[in-house]
């Protein structure tokens, strides 16, 4: 759930998404769900000559399982907050393991 929460904070920010089929989409992150499915607005294709059939896209829904990379604006990422959240999540998981043992 860490990444889901993180991406929810980036709604309305510009992102670039590289898919597993090498297609790169840029646009504004509109929403993301718990499966990391992504809805982008104002979409543009990085290589429109390679994918002319996608030239008319304005909005797109991308299934999370086909995403290879997501490029985020560096100024929008709070690294300290992300590291703290990761530590807290790992501590909770450790405590759950100890309780089961």
Protein backbone atom coordinates (compact mmCIF):
# COMPACT_ATOMS: atom_id res chain seq x y z
CA UNK A 1 0.00 0.00 0.00
CA UNK A 2 3.04 2.26 0.28
CA UNK A 3 3.26 2.92 -3.47
CA UNK A 4 -0.48 3.40 -3.76
CA UNK A 5 -0.39 6.10 -1.07
CA UNK A 6 2.66 7.66 -2.66
CA UNK A 7 1.09 7.88 -6.12
CA UNK A 8 -2.13 9.30 -4.68
CA UNK A 9 -0.11 12.31 -3.53
CA UNK A 10 1.06 12.87 -7.12
CA UNK A 11 -2.40 13.32 -8.64
CA UNK A 12 -2.57 16.33 -11.01
CA UNK A 13 1.21 16.20 -11.55
CA UNK A 14 2.89 15.54 -14.92
CA UNK A 15 4.34 12.03 -15.33
CA UNK A 16 5.83 9.87 -18.06
CA UNK A 17 4.95 6.18 -18.19
CA UNK A 18 6.94 3.60 -20.10
CA UNK A 19 5.00 0.46 -20.90
CA UNK A 20 6.40 -3.03 -21.35
CA UNK A 21 5.83 -2.74 -25.12
CA UNK A 22 8.25 0.27 -25.19
CA UNK A 23 5.47 2.84 -25.64
CA UNK A 24 6.07 6.02 -23.63
CA UNK A 25 3.11 8.16 -22.63
CA UNK A 26 3.29 11.55 -20.97
CA UNK A 27 0.40 13.28 -19.30
CA UNK A 28 -1.17 14.47 -16.09
CA UNK A 29 -1.81 11.84 -13.44
CA UNK A 30 -5.55 11.90 -12.77
CA UNK A 31 -5.99 8.86 -10.54
CA UNK A 32 -4.43 5.62 -9.40
CA UNK A 33 -6.01 2.61 -7.71
CA UNK A 34 -4.75 -0.09 -5.34
CA UNK A 35 -3.60 -2.24 -8.29
CA UNK A 36 -1.55 0.73 -9.56
CA UNK A 37 -3.80 1.11 -12.58
CA UNK A 38 -3.27 4.66 -13.81
CA UNK A 39 -5.59 7.20 -15.45
CA UNK A 40 -3.80 9.94 -17.40
CA UNK A 41 -5.23 13.16 -18.85
CA UNK A 42 -3.79 15.34 -21.65
CA UNK A 43 -1.83 12.39 -23.03
CA UNK A 44 0.88 12.70 -25.63
CA UNK A 45 2.97 9.96 -27.21
CA UNK A 46 6.76 10.38 -27.12
CA UNK A 47 7.22 8.72 -30.56
CA UNK A 48 4.05 9.60 -32.52
CA UNK A 49 5.62 8.52 -35.84
CA UNK A 50 6.12 5.03 -34.40
CA UNK A 51 2.51 4.82 -33.13
CA UNK A 52 0.34 6.91 -35.50
CA UNK A 53 -2.82 5.06 -34.43
CA UNK A 54 -2.47 6.62 -30.96
CA UNK A 55 -2.09 10.22 -32.12
CA UNK A 56 -5.69 11.13 -31.19
CA UNK A 57 -5.48 9.98 -27.57
CA UNK A 58 -6.53 12.56 -24.99
CA UNK A 59 -7.16 10.35 -21.92
CA UNK A 60 -5.89 6.86 -21.22
CA UNK A 61 -6.33 4.16 -18.58
CA UNK A 62 -3.21 2.02 -18.14
CA UNK A 63 -3.35 -1.34 -16.41
CA UNK A 64 -0.73 -1.50 -13.67
CA UNK A 65 0.69 -4.84 -14.84
CA UNK A 66 1.84 -3.40 -18.18
CA UNK A 67 3.85 -0.52 -16.68
CA UNK A 68 7.63 -0.81 -16.81
CA UNK A 69 8.64 2.60 -15.40
CA UNK A 70 7.00 5.75 -14.15
CA UNK A 71 9.05 8.93 -14.37
CA UNK A 72 8.09 11.53 -11.80
CA UNK A 73 8.99 15.20 -11.50
CA UNK A 74 11.98 15.26 -9.12
CA UNK A 75 10.71 18.28 -7.22
CA UNK A 76 7.51 16.46 -6.27
CA UNK A 77 9.16 13.50 -4.52
CA UNK A 78 9.68 13.93 -0.78
CA UNK A 79 12.43 11.36 -0.24
CA UNK A 80 12.52 11.75 3.54
CA UNK A 81 8.79 11.15 3.86
CA UNK A 82 9.02 8.11 1.58
CA UNK A 83 11.91 6.64 3.58
CA UNK A 84 10.07 7.17 6.87
CA UNK A 85 6.94 5.48 5.50
CA UNK A 86 9.04 2.54 4.30
CA UNK A 87 10.64 2.14 7.72
CA UNK A 88 7.26 2.23 9.45
CA UNK A 89 5.80 -0.36 7.07
CA UNK A 90 8.78 -2.68 7.62
CA UNK A 91 8.48 -2.30 11.39
CA UNK A 92 4.80 -3.26 11.26
CA UNK A 93 5.62 -6.34 9.18
CA UNK A 94 8.37 -7.38 11.62
CA UNK A 95 6.01 -7.04 14.56
CA UNK A 96 3.38 -9.14 12.77
CA UNK A 97 5.94 -11.90 12.13
CA UNK A 98 7.02 -11.89 15.78
CA UNK A 99 3.41 -12.09 16.93
CA UNK A 100 2.79 -15.16 14.73
CA UNK A 101 5.89 -16.95 16.02
